N, C-alpha and C. Protein backbone atom coordinates (compact mmCIF):
# COMPACT_ATOMS: atom_id res chain seq x y z
N UNK A 1 7.00 -24.96 -45.27
CA UNK A 1 6.56 -23.57 -44.65
C UNK A 1 5.28 -23.50 -44.82
N UNK A 2 4.54 -24.44 -45.25
CA UNK A 2 3.14 -24.23 -45.76
C UNK A 2 2.42 -24.72 -44.42
N UNK A 3 1.13 -24.13 -44.31
CA UNK A 3 0.39 -24.45 -43.21
C UNK A 3 0.43 -23.61 -41.86
N UNK A 4 1.48 -22.60 -41.87
CA UNK A 4 1.60 -21.90 -40.58
C UNK A 4 0.99 -20.62 -41.00
N UNK A 5 -0.10 -20.74 -40.05
CA UNK A 5 -0.96 -19.30 -40.22
C UNK A 5 -1.09 -19.01 -38.72
N UNK A 6 -1.83 -17.86 -38.54
CA UNK A 6 -1.95 -17.40 -37.24
C UNK A 6 -2.87 -18.32 -36.49
N UNK A 7 -2.26 -18.67 -35.17
CA UNK A 7 -3.23 -19.47 -34.22
C UNK A 7 -4.10 -18.60 -33.51
N UNK A 8 -5.20 -19.02 -33.21
CA UNK A 8 -6.18 -18.35 -32.42
C UNK A 8 -5.62 -18.34 -31.03
N UNK A 9 -5.67 -16.88 -30.47
CA UNK A 9 -5.29 -16.93 -28.99
C UNK A 9 -6.33 -17.44 -27.91
N UNK A 10 -5.79 -18.02 -26.85
CA UNK A 10 -6.63 -18.40 -25.84
C UNK A 10 -6.86 -17.19 -24.88
N UNK A 11 -8.16 -17.13 -24.45
CA UNK A 11 -8.67 -16.02 -23.59
C UNK A 11 -8.38 -16.57 -22.00
N UNK A 12 -7.92 -15.80 -21.30
CA UNK A 12 -7.87 -16.23 -19.93
C UNK A 12 -8.77 -15.58 -18.88
N UNK A 13 -9.69 -14.79 -19.56
CA UNK A 13 -10.56 -14.08 -19.01
C UNK A 13 -11.70 -15.09 -18.19
N UNK A 14 -12.29 -14.82 -17.09
CA UNK A 14 -13.36 -15.66 -16.34
C UNK A 14 -14.46 -16.06 -17.11
N UNK A 15 -14.88 -15.30 -18.01
CA UNK A 15 -16.13 -15.47 -18.69
C UNK A 15 -15.71 -16.57 -19.91
N UNK A 16 -14.71 -16.33 -20.48
CA UNK A 16 -14.24 -17.23 -21.69
C UNK A 16 -13.98 -18.49 -21.33
N UNK A 17 -13.40 -18.79 -20.19
CA UNK A 17 -13.06 -20.08 -19.87
C UNK A 17 -14.16 -21.12 -19.55
N UNK A 18 -13.93 -22.42 -20.07
CA UNK A 18 -15.02 -23.40 -19.96
C UNK A 18 -15.42 -23.54 -18.44
N UNK A 19 -14.55 -23.46 -17.42
CA UNK A 19 -15.04 -23.52 -16.01
C UNK A 19 -15.60 -22.28 -15.34
N UNK A 20 -15.26 -21.18 -15.99
CA UNK A 20 -15.63 -19.82 -15.54
C UNK A 20 -14.93 -19.34 -14.53
N UNK A 21 -13.74 -19.85 -14.38
CA UNK A 21 -12.70 -19.55 -13.38
C UNK A 21 -11.58 -18.82 -14.11
N UNK A 22 -11.16 -17.66 -13.70
CA UNK A 22 -9.94 -17.16 -14.29
C UNK A 22 -8.81 -17.66 -13.77
N UNK A 23 -7.45 -17.51 -14.50
CA UNK A 23 -6.28 -17.97 -14.12
C UNK A 23 -5.88 -17.31 -12.76
N UNK A 24 -5.89 -16.15 -12.78
CA UNK A 24 -5.79 -15.38 -11.52
C UNK A 24 -6.21 -15.94 -10.19
N UNK A 25 -7.67 -16.29 -10.33
CA UNK A 25 -8.26 -17.01 -9.23
C UNK A 25 -7.88 -18.40 -9.05
N UNK A 26 -7.32 -18.93 -10.00
CA UNK A 26 -6.60 -20.47 -9.76
C UNK A 26 -5.39 -20.44 -8.96
N UNK A 27 -4.80 -19.33 -9.27
CA UNK A 27 -3.32 -18.98 -8.57
C UNK A 27 -3.63 -18.31 -7.34
N UNK A 28 -4.61 -17.99 -6.89
CA UNK A 28 -4.93 -17.25 -5.53
C UNK A 28 -4.60 -15.82 -5.56
N UNK A 29 -4.77 -15.30 -6.72
CA UNK A 29 -4.43 -13.82 -6.98
C UNK A 29 -5.68 -13.23 -7.41
N UNK A 30 -6.39 -12.17 -6.56
CA UNK A 30 -7.66 -11.45 -6.89
C UNK A 30 -7.21 -10.48 -8.28
N UNK A 31 -8.11 -10.57 -8.94
CA UNK A 31 -8.02 -9.50 -10.45
C UNK A 31 -8.84 -8.47 -10.10
N UNK A 32 -8.30 -7.33 -10.60
CA UNK A 32 -8.79 -6.09 -10.11
C UNK A 32 -10.28 -5.82 -11.03
N UNK A 33 -11.10 -5.17 -10.61
CA UNK A 33 -12.17 -4.83 -11.45
C UNK A 33 -11.86 -4.21 -12.76
N UNK A 34 -12.66 -4.56 -13.83
CA UNK A 34 -12.10 -4.14 -15.16
C UNK A 34 -12.38 -2.37 -15.26
N UNK A 35 -13.26 -1.76 -14.72
CA UNK A 35 -13.22 -0.55 -14.51
C UNK A 35 -13.93 -0.08 -13.22
N UNK A 36 -13.64 1.16 -12.75
CA UNK A 36 -14.31 1.63 -11.59
C UNK A 36 -15.50 2.09 -11.69
N UNK A 37 -16.17 1.93 -10.48
CA UNK A 37 -17.52 2.55 -10.44
C UNK A 37 -17.80 3.84 -10.79
N UNK A 38 -18.64 4.31 -11.32
CA UNK A 38 -18.67 5.95 -11.78
C UNK A 38 -18.58 6.84 -10.20
N UNK A 39 -18.03 7.78 -10.37
CA UNK A 39 -17.92 8.43 -9.07
C UNK A 39 -16.81 8.18 -8.00
N UNK A 40 -16.31 7.13 -8.38
CA UNK A 40 -15.34 6.46 -7.34
C UNK A 40 -13.86 6.29 -8.06
N UNK A 41 -13.10 7.00 -7.52
CA UNK A 41 -11.65 6.84 -7.93
C UNK A 41 -10.54 6.24 -7.12
N UNK A 42 -9.61 5.74 -7.25
CA UNK A 42 -8.56 5.16 -6.35
C UNK A 42 -7.82 6.28 -6.01
N UNK A 43 -7.63 6.35 -4.63
CA UNK A 43 -6.58 7.50 -4.05
C UNK A 43 -5.41 7.26 -4.56
N UNK A 44 -4.76 8.36 -4.98
CA UNK A 44 -3.47 8.17 -5.39
C UNK A 44 -2.29 7.96 -4.18
N UNK A 45 -1.15 7.08 -4.53
CA UNK A 45 -0.48 6.86 -3.48
C UNK A 45 0.80 8.00 -3.54
N UNK A 46 0.94 8.65 -2.48
CA UNK A 46 2.04 9.63 -2.38
C UNK A 46 3.32 8.92 -3.03
N UNK A 47 4.19 9.83 -3.81
CA UNK A 47 5.19 9.56 -4.48
C UNK A 47 6.30 9.70 -3.67
N UNK A 48 7.10 8.88 -3.41
CA UNK A 48 8.33 8.95 -2.46
C UNK A 48 9.56 9.25 -3.38
N UNK A 49 10.20 10.40 -3.32
CA UNK A 49 11.19 10.79 -4.12
C UNK A 49 12.50 9.88 -3.57
N UNK A 50 12.54 9.66 -2.42
CA UNK A 50 13.80 8.69 -1.82
C UNK A 50 14.91 9.71 -1.47
N UNK A 51 14.65 10.78 -1.63
CA UNK A 51 15.51 12.05 -1.25
C UNK A 51 15.69 12.40 0.33
N UNK A 52 14.50 12.68 0.77
CA UNK A 52 14.51 13.01 2.02
C UNK A 52 15.23 14.27 2.18
N UNK A 53 15.78 14.53 3.40
CA UNK A 53 16.48 15.73 3.66
C UNK A 53 18.06 15.57 3.13
N UNK A 54 18.21 16.26 2.14
CA UNK A 54 19.74 16.35 1.62
C UNK A 54 20.75 17.21 2.54
N UNK A 55 21.89 16.61 2.65
CA UNK A 55 22.73 17.59 3.18
C UNK A 55 23.21 19.03 2.64
N UNK A 56 23.72 19.84 3.30
CA UNK A 56 24.01 21.28 2.72
C UNK A 56 25.06 21.05 1.62
N UNK A 57 26.18 20.05 1.81
CA UNK A 57 27.25 20.19 0.87
C UNK A 57 27.85 18.93 0.33
N UNK A 58 27.93 18.63 -0.81
CA UNK A 58 28.27 17.14 -1.20
C UNK A 58 29.70 17.59 -2.01
N UNK A 59 30.61 16.78 -1.56
CA UNK A 59 31.97 16.76 -2.29
C UNK A 59 31.96 15.67 -3.43
N UNK A 60 32.43 15.89 -4.69
CA UNK A 60 32.19 14.83 -5.86
C UNK A 60 33.62 14.76 -6.07
N UNK A 61 34.37 13.33 -6.12
CA UNK A 61 35.51 13.04 -6.62
C UNK A 61 35.57 11.92 -7.32
N UNK A 62 36.75 12.00 -8.61
CA UNK A 62 36.76 10.83 -9.29
C UNK A 62 37.84 10.02 -8.96
N UNK A 63 37.75 8.79 -8.86
CA UNK A 63 38.62 7.89 -8.42
C UNK A 63 39.16 6.58 -9.48
N UNK A 64 40.29 6.05 -9.52
CA UNK A 64 40.55 4.83 -10.11
C UNK A 64 41.31 4.02 -9.35
N UNK A 65 42.10 4.41 -8.34
CA UNK A 65 42.97 3.76 -7.80
C UNK A 65 42.57 2.65 -7.10
N UNK A 66 43.24 1.41 -7.17
CA UNK A 66 42.75 0.20 -6.32
C UNK A 66 41.53 -0.27 -7.13
N UNK A 67 41.12 -0.21 -8.36
CA UNK A 67 40.06 -0.66 -8.93
C UNK A 67 39.96 -1.04 -10.10
N UNK A 68 41.21 -1.46 -10.39
CA UNK A 68 41.79 -2.51 -11.86
C UNK A 68 41.60 -1.33 -12.88
N UNK A 69 41.53 -0.12 -12.61
CA UNK A 69 41.86 0.91 -13.80
C UNK A 69 40.23 1.56 -14.11
N UNK A 70 39.26 1.04 -13.11
CA UNK A 70 37.87 1.34 -13.61
C UNK A 70 37.61 2.78 -12.79
N UNK A 71 36.89 3.68 -13.34
CA UNK A 71 36.55 4.88 -12.86
C UNK A 71 35.21 4.97 -11.78
N UNK A 72 35.32 5.42 -10.50
CA UNK A 72 34.16 5.58 -9.86
C UNK A 72 33.99 7.16 -9.58
N UNK A 73 32.88 7.34 -9.21
CA UNK A 73 32.75 8.80 -8.58
C UNK A 73 32.24 8.61 -7.01
N UNK A 74 33.13 9.27 -6.32
CA UNK A 74 32.74 9.03 -4.85
C UNK A 74 32.17 10.45 -4.44
N UNK A 75 30.97 10.26 -3.81
CA UNK A 75 30.10 11.49 -3.24
C UNK A 75 30.32 11.28 -1.60
N UNK A 76 30.65 12.16 -1.04
CA UNK A 76 30.96 12.54 0.31
C UNK A 76 30.24 13.82 0.95
N UNK A 77 29.93 13.80 1.88
CA UNK A 77 29.08 14.76 2.65
C UNK A 77 29.84 15.61 3.77
N UNK A 78 29.88 16.76 3.76
CA UNK A 78 30.66 17.66 4.58
C UNK A 78 29.85 17.85 5.67
N UNK A 79 28.50 18.11 5.60
CA UNK A 79 27.62 18.67 6.75
C UNK A 79 27.11 17.51 7.33
N UNK A 80 27.46 16.51 7.40
CA UNK A 80 26.75 15.15 8.06
C UNK A 80 26.37 14.29 6.97
N UNK A 81 26.18 12.92 7.01
CA UNK A 81 25.59 12.22 6.14
C UNK A 81 24.11 12.36 6.02
N UNK A 82 23.38 12.21 4.93
CA UNK A 82 22.04 12.26 4.94
C UNK A 82 21.43 11.13 5.69
N UNK A 83 19.98 11.13 6.15
CA UNK A 83 19.45 10.12 7.12
C UNK A 83 19.29 8.92 6.44
N UNK A 84 18.92 9.05 5.05
CA UNK A 84 18.52 7.63 4.45
C UNK A 84 19.54 7.49 2.99
N UNK A 85 20.97 7.07 3.18
CA UNK A 85 21.84 7.02 2.20
C UNK A 85 21.41 6.01 1.28
N UNK A 86 20.57 5.01 1.45
CA UNK A 86 20.29 4.05 0.60
C UNK A 86 19.16 4.63 -0.53
N UNK A 87 18.25 5.27 0.20
CA UNK A 87 17.42 5.89 -0.60
C UNK A 87 17.90 7.03 -1.63
N UNK A 88 18.71 7.80 -1.11
CA UNK A 88 19.51 8.90 -2.04
C UNK A 88 20.05 8.15 -2.99
N UNK A 89 20.95 7.02 -2.80
CA UNK A 89 21.53 6.10 -3.91
C UNK A 89 20.74 5.77 -4.93
N UNK A 90 19.38 5.16 -4.50
CA UNK A 90 18.35 4.80 -5.48
C UNK A 90 18.11 5.93 -6.38
N UNK A 91 17.91 7.09 -5.78
CA UNK A 91 17.26 8.17 -6.67
C UNK A 91 18.47 8.66 -7.49
N UNK A 92 19.67 8.60 -7.16
CA UNK A 92 20.85 8.92 -8.14
C UNK A 92 21.05 7.90 -9.26
N UNK A 93 20.68 6.54 -8.88
CA UNK A 93 21.07 5.61 -9.84
C UNK A 93 20.02 5.60 -10.88
N UNK A 94 18.93 5.97 -10.39
CA UNK A 94 17.69 5.98 -11.53
C UNK A 94 17.88 7.30 -12.14
N UNK A 95 18.36 8.43 -11.65
CA UNK A 95 18.42 9.56 -12.50
C UNK A 95 19.63 9.67 -13.51
N UNK A 96 20.66 9.09 -12.96
CA UNK A 96 21.74 8.99 -13.97
C UNK A 96 21.98 7.75 -14.56
N UNK A 97 21.21 6.79 -14.39
CA UNK A 97 21.37 5.66 -15.15
C UNK A 97 22.69 4.83 -14.96
N UNK A 98 23.06 4.64 -13.83
CA UNK A 98 24.26 4.00 -13.62
C UNK A 98 24.05 3.21 -12.41
N UNK A 99 25.17 2.30 -12.07
CA UNK A 99 25.16 1.58 -10.95
C UNK A 99 25.84 2.26 -9.71
N UNK A 100 25.88 1.78 -8.46
CA UNK A 100 26.55 2.45 -7.46
C UNK A 100 26.18 1.56 -6.08
N UNK A 101 26.83 2.13 -5.25
CA UNK A 101 26.87 1.37 -3.92
C UNK A 101 27.23 2.43 -2.82
N UNK A 102 26.88 2.07 -1.56
CA UNK A 102 27.21 2.86 -0.34
C UNK A 102 28.44 2.38 0.23
N UNK A 103 29.33 3.13 0.55
CA UNK A 103 30.70 2.78 1.19
C UNK A 103 30.79 3.70 2.60
N UNK A 104 30.55 3.06 3.75
CA UNK A 104 30.55 3.79 4.89
C UNK A 104 29.41 4.91 4.74
N UNK A 105 29.71 6.41 5.03
CA UNK A 105 29.10 7.23 4.74
C UNK A 105 28.97 7.87 3.08
N UNK A 106 29.90 7.48 2.43
CA UNK A 106 29.96 7.68 1.28
C UNK A 106 29.03 6.91 0.17
N UNK A 107 28.96 7.68 -1.09
CA UNK A 107 28.19 7.12 -2.13
C UNK A 107 29.27 6.77 -3.36
N UNK A 108 29.29 5.54 -3.82
CA UNK A 108 30.19 5.23 -4.95
C UNK A 108 29.07 5.06 -6.28
N UNK A 109 29.37 5.90 -7.28
CA UNK A 109 28.66 5.54 -8.68
C UNK A 109 29.60 5.16 -9.63
N UNK A 110 29.09 4.26 -10.39
CA UNK A 110 30.00 3.71 -11.59
C UNK A 110 30.30 4.59 -12.55
N UNK A 111 31.69 4.82 -12.97
CA UNK A 111 31.77 5.73 -14.04
C UNK A 111 32.06 7.02 -13.48
N UNK A 112 32.48 7.89 -14.52
CA UNK A 112 32.86 9.35 -14.35
C UNK A 112 31.51 10.15 -14.47
N UNK A 113 30.83 10.42 -13.21
CA UNK A 113 29.70 10.90 -13.06
C UNK A 113 29.68 12.16 -12.58
N UNK A 114 30.72 12.92 -12.33
CA UNK A 114 31.01 14.13 -11.42
C UNK A 114 30.07 15.12 -12.15
N UNK A 115 30.11 15.59 -13.31
CA UNK A 115 29.26 16.67 -14.00
C UNK A 115 27.98 16.34 -13.74
N UNK A 116 27.39 15.30 -14.20
CA UNK A 116 26.01 14.77 -13.95
C UNK A 116 25.50 14.65 -12.66
N UNK A 117 26.19 14.14 -11.79
CA UNK A 117 25.82 14.12 -10.49
C UNK A 117 25.72 15.64 -9.81
N UNK A 118 26.86 16.44 -10.19
CA UNK A 118 26.78 17.88 -9.67
C UNK A 118 25.75 18.46 -10.30
N UNK A 119 25.21 18.55 -11.46
CA UNK A 119 23.98 18.84 -11.97
C UNK A 119 22.65 18.42 -11.17
N UNK A 120 22.70 17.53 -10.72
CA UNK A 120 21.57 16.63 -10.00
C UNK A 120 21.51 17.38 -8.59
N UNK A 121 22.76 17.53 -8.05
CA UNK A 121 22.65 18.15 -6.66
C UNK A 121 22.29 19.58 -6.76
N UNK A 122 22.68 20.34 -7.88
CA UNK A 122 22.50 21.53 -7.87
C UNK A 122 21.21 22.04 -8.08
N UNK A 123 20.49 21.02 -8.87
CA UNK A 123 19.23 21.21 -9.02
C UNK A 123 18.37 21.12 -7.81
N UNK A 124 18.75 20.60 -6.88
CA UNK A 124 18.30 20.41 -5.59
C UNK A 124 18.71 21.18 -4.55
N UNK A 125 19.37 22.14 -4.96
CA UNK A 125 20.05 23.19 -4.01
C UNK A 125 20.99 22.92 -2.85
N UNK A 126 21.86 21.84 -3.55
CA UNK A 126 22.84 21.37 -2.56
C UNK A 126 24.26 21.98 -3.16
N UNK A 127 24.94 22.59 -2.18
CA UNK A 127 26.48 23.04 -2.82
C UNK A 127 27.18 21.97 -2.90
N UNK A 128 27.81 21.95 -4.25
CA UNK A 128 28.70 21.16 -4.74
C UNK A 128 30.20 21.33 -4.89
N UNK A 129 31.09 20.67 -4.29
CA UNK A 129 32.78 20.91 -4.43
C UNK A 129 32.85 19.75 -5.10
N UNK A 130 34.01 20.10 -6.19
CA UNK A 130 34.63 18.84 -6.78
C UNK A 130 36.05 18.69 -6.31
N UNK A 131 36.09 17.56 -5.86
CA UNK A 131 37.52 17.31 -5.30
C UNK A 131 38.34 16.67 -6.32
N UNK A 132 39.84 16.26 -5.75
CA UNK A 132 40.58 15.79 -6.65
C UNK A 132 40.38 14.34 -7.09
């Protein structure tokens, strides 16, 4: 075990390389400037919540039948389905920390998420009905 010390790190910056070319430039990727010029800032990109226009009422139900004993939470919409169900699913999965999929006009979340999904919808002023 003798002789094992810290190895010197190799710098990949353009100034440190013997050829004066950065690794990013060799791979064809532009590297961003180290710091922005004074007085100029990057414009902030608008953050898309992915929710869009939510329907007025959501029905949450817990199902296990036909799924090998696994529990899923079905979210169906009474006042028409949302315009972008996939974006709504992405928001739900990120907020609840679970998996899910779109089946027809319904959203299926993995596990019993009825309480947590109900709170998520209630915070966005969507009426929630818990089904059987």
